[in-house]
């Protein structure tokens, strides 16, 4: 799994858009990130007030079967 972008990079990208008035396409070329990624950061900031990366879920943590004996039957 790929590592998330650093918090500092996210901060610089969003500051360039919000404070400096740059367009998303210019910022995406400057920082070499996709416009979709920038849109997701802006959406997360609007919803939660911050643009921190979501914590990673370890593999295999989403098992839905709790009663293995009943499942085997």
PDB file of N, CA and C in Angstrom:
ATOM      1  N   UNK A   1       0.841  -1.175   0.000  1.00  0.00           N
ATOM      2  CA  UNK A   1       0.000   0.000   0.000  1.00  0.00           C
ATOM      3  C   UNK A   1       0.885   1.238   0.000  1.00  0.00           C
ATOM      4  N   UNK A   2       0.503   2.210  -0.778  1.00  0.00           N
ATOM      5  CA  UNK A   2       1.290   3.433  -0.888  1.00  0.00           C
ATOM      6  C   UNK A   2       1.157   4.280   0.382  1.00  0.00           C
ATOM      7  N   UNK A   3       2.205   5.008   0.673  1.00  0.00           N
ATOM      8  CA  UNK A   3       2.184   5.899   1.830  1.00  0.00           C
ATOM      9  C   UNK A   3       1.406   7.162   1.494  1.00  0.00           C
ATOM     10  N   UNK A   4       0.698   7.725   2.468  1.00  0.00           N
ATOM     11  CA  UNK A   4      -0.029   8.968   2.197  1.00  0.00           C
ATOM     12  C   UNK A   4       0.924  10.150   2.071  1.00  0.00           C
ATOM     13  N   UNK A   5       0.452  11.199   1.412  1.00  0.00           N
ATOM     14  CA  UNK A   5       1.240  12.421   1.310  1.00  0.00           C
ATOM     15  C   UNK A   5       1.441  13.007   2.705  1.00  0.00           C
ATOM     16  N   UNK A   6       2.546  13.690   2.912  1.00  0.00           N
ATOM     17  CA  UNK A   6       2.827  14.276   4.218  1.00  0.00           C
ATOM     18  C   UNK A   6       1.861  15.422   4.509  1.00  0.00           C
ATOM     19  N   UNK A   7       1.710  15.700   5.787  1.00  0.00           N
ATOM     20  CA  UNK A   7       0.817  16.770   6.217  1.00  0.00           C
ATOM     21  C   UNK A   7       1.334  18.119   5.730  1.00  0.00           C
ATOM     22  N   UNK A   8       2.645  18.284   5.725  1.00  0.00           N
ATOM     23  CA  UNK A   8       3.241  19.549   5.273  1.00  0.00           C
ATOM     24  C   UNK A   8       2.966  19.805   3.793  1.00  0.00           C
ATOM     25  N   UNK A   9       3.061  18.771   2.970  1.00  0.00           N
ATOM     26  CA  UNK A   9       2.762  18.933   1.549  1.00  0.00           C
ATOM     27  C   UNK A   9       1.300  19.298   1.350  1.00  0.00           C
ATOM     28  N   UNK A  10       0.418  18.622   2.064  1.00  0.00           N
ATOM     29  CA  UNK A  10      -1.004  18.935   1.973  1.00  0.00           C
ATOM     30  C   UNK A  10      -1.253  20.396   2.347  1.00  0.00           C
ATOM     31  N   UNK A  11      -0.578  20.845   3.400  1.00  0.00           N
ATOM     32  CA  UNK A  11      -0.726  22.221   3.866  1.00  0.00           C
ATOM     33  C   UNK A  11      -0.276  23.210   2.787  1.00  0.00           C
ATOM     34  N   UNK A  12       0.871  22.949   2.165  1.00  0.00           N
ATOM     35  CA  UNK A  12       1.389  23.845   1.122  1.00  0.00           C
ATOM     36  C   UNK A  12       0.459  23.892  -0.085  1.00  0.00           C
ATOM     37  N   UNK A  13      -0.072  22.734  -0.471  1.00  0.00           N
ATOM     38  CA  UNK A  13      -0.967  22.658  -1.623  1.00  0.00           C
ATOM     39  C   UNK A  13      -2.234  23.465  -1.365  1.00  0.00           C
ATOM     40  N   UNK A  14      -2.841  23.257  -0.213  1.00  0.00           N
ATOM     41  CA  UNK A  14      -4.098  23.950   0.076  1.00  0.00           C
ATOM     42  C   UNK A  14      -3.885  25.435   0.321  1.00  0.00           C
ATOM     43  N   UNK A  15      -2.743  25.813   0.876  1.00  0.00           N
ATOM     44  CA  UNK A  15      -2.441  27.232   1.037  1.00  0.00           C
ATOM     45  C   UNK A  15      -2.271  27.916  -0.315  1.00  0.00           C
ATOM     46  N   UNK A  16      -1.655  27.210  -1.269  1.00  0.00           N
ATOM     47  CA  UNK A  16      -1.474  27.774  -2.606  1.00  0.00           C
ATOM     48  C   UNK A  16      -2.816  28.050  -3.268  1.00  0.00           C
ATOM     49  N   UNK A  17      -3.795  27.197  -3.014  1.00  0.00           N
ATOM     50  CA  UNK A  17      -5.115  27.378  -3.605  1.00  0.00           C
ATOM     51  C   UNK A  17      -5.894  28.461  -2.859  1.00  0.00           C
ATOM     52  N   UNK A  18      -5.942  28.353  -1.537  1.00  0.00           N
ATOM     53  CA  UNK A  18      -6.801  29.236  -0.754  1.00  0.00           C
ATOM     54  C   UNK A  18      -6.193  30.627  -0.547  1.00  0.00           C
ATOM     55  N   UNK A  19      -4.922  30.702  -0.198  1.00  0.00           N
ATOM     56  CA  UNK A  19      -4.312  31.998   0.114  1.00  0.00           C
ATOM     57  C   UNK A  19      -3.773  32.705  -1.123  1.00  0.00           C
ATOM     58  N   UNK A  20      -3.072  31.949  -1.965  1.00  0.00           N
ATOM     59  CA  UNK A  20      -2.418  32.551  -3.129  1.00  0.00           C
ATOM     60  C   UNK A  20      -3.342  32.679  -4.333  1.00  0.00           C
ATOM     61  N   UNK A  21      -4.484  31.988  -4.294  1.00  0.00           N
ATOM     62  CA  UNK A  21      -5.451  32.102  -5.382  1.00  0.00           C
ATOM     63  C   UNK A  21      -5.072  31.347  -6.640  1.00  0.00           C
ATOM     64  N   UNK A  22      -4.195  30.382  -6.536  1.00  0.00           N
ATOM     65  CA  UNK A  22      -3.814  29.595  -7.713  1.00  0.00           C
ATOM     66  C   UNK A  22      -4.933  28.621  -8.072  1.00  0.00           C
ATOM     67  N   UNK A  23      -4.966  28.240  -9.341  1.00  0.00           N
ATOM     68  CA  UNK A  23      -5.942  27.261  -9.803  1.00  0.00           C
ATOM     69  C   UNK A  23      -5.474  25.860  -9.420  1.00  0.00           C
ATOM     70  N   UNK A  24      -6.443  24.950  -9.276  1.00  0.00           N
ATOM     71  CA  UNK A  24      -6.114  23.580  -8.903  1.00  0.00           C
ATOM     72  C   UNK A  24      -5.210  22.920  -9.938  1.00  0.00           C
ATOM     73  N   UNK A  25      -5.435  23.194 -11.208  1.00  0.00           N
ATOM     74  CA  UNK A  25      -4.610  22.587 -12.252  1.00  0.00           C
ATOM     75  C   UNK A  25      -3.158  23.067 -12.163  1.00  0.00           C
ATOM     76  N   UNK A  26      -2.962  24.346 -11.845  1.00  0.00           N
ATOM     77  CA  UNK A  26      -1.599  24.869 -11.688  1.00  0.00           C
ATOM     78  C   UNK A  26      -0.912  24.229 -10.480  1.00  0.00           C
ATOM     79  N   UNK A  27      -1.642  24.126  -9.392  1.00  0.00           N
ATOM     80  CA  UNK A  27      -1.086  23.555  -8.162  1.00  0.00           C
ATOM     81  C   UNK A  27      -0.766  22.073  -8.358  1.00  0.00           C
ATOM     82  N   UNK A  28      -1.628  21.362  -9.074  1.00  0.00           N
ATOM     83  CA  UNK A  28      -1.380  19.940  -9.285  1.00  0.00           C
ATOM     84  C   UNK A  28      -0.121  19.716 -10.117  1.00  0.00           C
ATOM     85  N   UNK A  29       0.142  20.582 -11.079  1.00  0.00           N
ATOM     86  CA  UNK A  29       1.374  20.464 -11.871  1.00  0.00           C
ATOM     87  C   UNK A  29       2.591  20.868 -11.051  1.00  0.00           C
ATOM     88  N   UNK A  30       2.448  21.916 -10.251  1.00  0.00           N
ATOM     89  CA  UNK A  30       3.558  22.411  -9.446  1.00  0.00           C
ATOM     90  C   UNK A  30       4.007  21.388  -8.403  1.00  0.00           C
ATOM     91  N   UNK A  31       3.049  20.757  -7.723  1.00  0.00           N
ATOM     92  CA  UNK A  31       3.368  19.811  -6.650  1.00  0.00           C
ATOM     93  C   UNK A  31       3.315  18.351  -7.099  1.00  0.00           C
ATOM     94  N   UNK A  32       3.039  18.134  -8.383  1.00  0.00           N
ATOM     95  CA  UNK A  32       3.000  16.781  -8.960  1.00  0.00           C
ATOM     96  C   UNK A  32       2.031  15.852  -8.212  1.00  0.00           C
ATOM     97  N   UNK A  33       0.805  16.338  -8.065  1.00  0.00           N
ATOM     98  CA  UNK A  33      -0.263  15.536  -7.487  1.00  0.00           C
ATOM     99  C   UNK A  33      -1.496  15.712  -8.367  1.00  0.00           C
ATOM    100  N   UNK A  34      -2.402  14.761  -8.305  1.00  0.00           N
ATOM    101  CA  UNK A  34      -3.568  14.827  -9.188  1.00  0.00           C
ATOM    102  C   UNK A  34      -4.604  15.811  -8.657  1.00  0.00           C
ATOM    103  N   UNK A  35      -5.427  16.312  -9.580  1.00  0.00           N
ATOM    104  CA  UNK A  35      -6.509  17.216  -9.177  1.00  0.00           C
ATOM    105  C   UNK A  35      -7.513  16.482  -8.312  1.00  0.00           C
ATOM    106  N   UNK A  36      -7.720  15.201  -8.578  1.00  0.00           N
ATOM    107  CA  UNK A  36      -8.645  14.412  -7.782  1.00  0.00           C
ATOM    108  C   UNK A  36      -8.181  14.351  -6.329  1.00  0.00           C
ATOM    109  N   UNK A  37      -6.889  14.165  -6.119  1.00  0.00           N
ATOM    110  CA  UNK A  37      -6.334  14.128  -4.771  1.00  0.00           C
ATOM    111  C   UNK A  37      -6.559  15.463  -4.072  1.00  0.00           C
ATOM    112  N   UNK A  38      -6.327  16.548  -4.769  1.00  0.00           N
ATOM    113  CA  UNK A  38      -6.536  17.875  -4.191  1.00  0.00           C
ATOM    114  C   UNK A  38      -8.012  18.070  -3.856  1.00  0.00           C
ATOM    115  N   UNK A  39      -8.896  17.619  -4.748  1.00  0.00           N
ATOM    116  CA  UNK A  39     -10.334  17.719  -4.477  1.00  0.00           C
ATOM    117  C   UNK A  39     -10.717  16.935  -3.219  1.00  0.00           C
ATOM    118  N   UNK A  40     -10.116  15.755  -3.048  1.00  0.00           N
ATOM    119  CA  UNK A  40     -10.395  14.952  -1.855  1.00  0.00           C
ATOM    120  C   UNK A  40      -9.924  15.658  -0.588  1.00  0.00           C
ATOM    121  N   UNK A  41      -8.764  16.306  -0.637  1.00  0.00           N
ATOM    122  CA  UNK A  41      -8.257  17.046   0.524  1.00  0.00           C
ATOM    123  C   UNK A  41      -9.168  18.210   0.855  1.00  0.00           C
ATOM    124  N   UNK A  42      -9.620  18.937  -0.177  1.00  0.00           N
ATOM    125  CA  UNK A  42     -10.525  20.061   0.053  1.00  0.00           C
ATOM    126  C   UNK A  42     -11.860  19.594   0.627  1.00  0.00           C
ATOM    127  N   UNK A  43     -12.343  18.474   0.127  1.00  0.00           N
ATOM    128  CA  UNK A  43     -13.596  17.908   0.631  1.00  0.00           C
ATOM    129  C   UNK A  43     -13.443  17.492   2.093  1.00  0.00           C
ATOM    130  N   UNK A  44     -12.337  16.831   2.420  1.00  0.00           N
ATOM    131  CA  UNK A  44     -12.096  16.400   3.796  1.00  0.00           C
ATOM    132  C   UNK A  44     -11.977  17.596   4.734  1.00  0.00           C
ATOM    133  N   UNK A  45     -11.328  18.657   4.254  1.00  0.00           N
ATOM    134  CA  UNK A  45     -11.200  19.862   5.073  1.00  0.00           C
ATOM    135  C   UNK A  45     -12.565  20.500   5.308  1.00  0.00           C
ATOM    136  N   UNK A  46     -13.418  20.505   4.298  1.00  0.00           N
ATOM    137  CA  UNK A  46     -14.757  21.080   4.449  1.00  0.00           C
ATOM    138  C   UNK A  46     -15.614  20.259   5.408  1.00  0.00           C
ATOM    139  N   UNK A  47     -15.447  18.937   5.377  1.00  0.00           N
ATOM    140  CA  UNK A  47     -16.268  18.061   6.220  1.00  0.00           C
ATOM    141  C   UNK A  47     -15.778  17.997   7.662  1.00  0.00           C
ATOM    142  N   UNK A  48     -14.456  17.911   7.846  1.00  0.00           N
ATOM    143  CA  UNK A  48     -13.917  17.672   9.188  1.00  0.00           C
ATOM    144  C   UNK A  48     -13.162  18.860   9.760  1.00  0.00           C
ATOM    145  N   UNK A  49     -12.810  19.820   8.921  1.00  0.00           N
ATOM    146  CA  UNK A  49     -12.034  20.958   9.390  1.00  0.00           C
ATOM    147  C   UNK A  49     -10.536  20.741   9.312  1.00  0.00           C
ATOM    148  N   UNK A  50     -10.111  19.548   8.883  1.00  0.00           N
ATOM    149  CA  UNK A  50      -8.690  19.245   8.750  1.00  0.00           C
ATOM    150  C   UNK A  50      -8.499  18.355   7.529  1.00  0.00           C
ATOM    151  N   UNK A  51      -7.281  18.260   7.058  1.00  0.00           N
ATOM    152  CA  UNK A  51      -6.979  17.469   5.865  1.00  0.00           C
ATOM    153  C   UNK A  51      -5.962  16.376   6.172  1.00  0.00           C
ATOM    154  N   UNK A  52      -5.927  15.940   7.407  1.00  0.00           N
ATOM    155  CA  UNK A  52      -5.036  14.871   7.852  1.00  0.00           C
ATOM    156  C   UNK A  52      -5.373  13.568   7.120  1.00  0.00           C
ATOM    157  N   UNK A  53      -4.359  12.759   6.851  1.00  0.00           N
ATOM    158  CA  UNK A  53      -4.572  11.479   6.184  1.00  0.00           C
ATOM    159  C   UNK A  53      -5.353  10.539   7.093  1.00  0.00           C
ATOM    160  N   UNK A  54      -6.182   9.712   6.489  1.00  0.00           N
ATOM    161  CA  UNK A  54      -6.923   8.728   7.261  1.00  0.00           C
ATOM    162  C   UNK A  54      -5.957   7.649   7.746  1.00  0.00           C
ATOM    163  N   UNK A  55      -6.177   7.114   8.935  1.00  0.00           N
ATOM    164  CA  UNK A  55      -5.285   6.040   9.409  1.00  0.00           C
ATOM    165  C   UNK A  55      -5.468   4.782   8.571  1.00  0.00           C
ATOM    166  N   UNK A  56      -4.367   4.064   8.352  1.00  0.00           N
ATOM    167  CA  UNK A  56      -4.415   2.840   7.553  1.00  0.00           C
ATOM    168  C   UNK A  56      -5.034   1.706   8.353  1.00  0.00           C
ATOM    169  N   UNK A  57      -5.821   0.894   7.670  1.00  0.00           N
ATOM    170  CA  UNK A  57      -6.422  -0.286   8.271  1.00  0.00           C
ATOM    171  C   UNK A  57      -5.493  -1.472   8.012  1.00  0.00           C
ATOM    172  N   UNK A  58      -5.132  -2.235   9.035  1.00  0.00           N
ATOM    173  CA  UNK A  58      -4.300  -3.413   8.783  1.00  0.00           C
ATOM    174  C   UNK A  58      -5.071  -4.456   7.974  1.00  0.00           C
ATOM    175  N   UNK A  59      -4.336  -5.213   7.184  1.00  0.00           N
ATOM    176  CA  UNK A  59      -4.975  -6.246   6.361  1.00  0.00           C
ATOM    177  C   UNK A  59      -5.636  -7.297   7.237  1.00  0.00           C
ATOM    178  N   UNK A  60      -6.763  -7.782   6.762  1.00  0.00           N
ATOM    179  CA  UNK A  60      -7.454  -8.853   7.457  1.00  0.00           C
ATOM    180  C   UNK A  60      -8.271  -8.398   8.645  1.00  0.00           C
ATOM    181  N   UNK A  61      -8.436  -7.129   8.811  1.00  0.00           N
ATOM    182  CA  UNK A  61      -9.175  -6.658   9.979  1.00  0.00           C
ATOM    183  C   UNK A  61     -10.674  -6.580   9.726  1.00  0.00           C
ATOM    184  N   UNK A  62     -11.103  -6.847   8.509  1.00  0.00           N
ATOM    185  CA  UNK A  62     -12.509  -6.686   8.179  1.00  0.00           C
ATOM    186  C   UNK A  62     -13.278  -7.992   8.092  1.00  0.00           C
ATOM    187  N   UNK A  63     -12.934  -8.991   8.883  1.00  0.00           N
ATOM    188  CA  UNK A  63     -13.652 -10.258   8.817  1.00  0.00           C
ATOM    189  C   UNK A  63     -15.049 -10.089   9.370  1.00  0.00           C
ATOM    190  N   UNK A  64     -16.012 -10.612   8.632  1.00  0.00           N
ATOM    191  CA  UNK A  64     -17.404 -10.463   9.033  1.00  0.00           C
ATOM    192  C   UNK A  64     -17.952 -11.716   9.698  1.00  0.00           C
ATOM    193  N   UNK A  65     -17.271 -12.835   9.573  1.00  0.00           N
ATOM    194  CA  UNK A  65     -17.729 -14.075  10.183  1.00  0.00           C
ATOM    195  C   UNK A  65     -17.253 -14.104  11.627  1.00  0.00           C
ATOM    196  N   UNK A  66     -18.195 -14.177  12.549  1.00  0.00           N
ATOM    197  CA  UNK A  66     -17.833 -14.215  13.968  1.00  0.00           C
ATOM    198  C   UNK A  66     -18.027 -15.597  14.572  1.00  0.00           C
ATOM    199  N   UNK A  67     -18.992 -16.352  14.087  1.00  0.00           N
ATOM    200  CA  UNK A  67     -19.260 -17.693  14.609  1.00  0.00           C
ATOM    201  C   UNK A  67     -18.808 -18.722  13.567  1.00  0.00           C
ATOM    202  N   UNK A  68     -17.573 -19.191  13.704  1.00  0.00           N
ATOM    203  CA  UNK A  68     -16.997 -20.095  12.709  1.00  0.00           C
ATOM    204  C   UNK A  68     -17.649 -21.472  12.716  1.00  0.00           C
ATOM    205  N   UNK A  69     -18.121 -21.946  13.868  1.00  0.00           N
ATOM    206  CA  UNK A  69     -18.782 -23.254  13.922  1.00  0.00           C
ATOM    207  C   UNK A  69     -20.080 -23.236  13.123  1.00  0.00           C
ATOM    208  N   UNK A  70     -20.844 -22.193  13.285  1.00  0.00           N
ATOM    209  CA  UNK A  70     -22.093 -22.073  12.552  1.00  0.00           C
ATOM    210  C   UNK A  70     -21.834 -21.910  11.058  1.00  0.00           C
ATOM    211  N   UNK A  71     -20.753 -21.218  10.710  1.00  0.00           N
ATOM    212  CA  UNK A  71     -20.376 -21.027   9.304  1.00  0.00           C
ATOM    213  C   UNK A  71     -20.025 -22.365   8.651  1.00  0.00           C
ATOM    214  N   UNK A  72     -19.315 -23.229   9.374  1.00  0.00           N
ATOM    215  CA  UNK A  72     -18.907 -24.531   8.824  1.00  0.00           C
ATOM    216  C   UNK A  72     -20.095 -25.443   8.548  1.00  0.00           C
ATOM    217  N   UNK A  73     -21.153 -25.278   9.336  1.00  0.00           N
ATOM    218  CA  UNK A  73     -22.361 -26.098   9.129  1.00  0.00           C
ATOM    219  C   UNK A  73     -23.022 -25.662   7.845  1.00  0.00           C
TER     220      UNK A  73
END
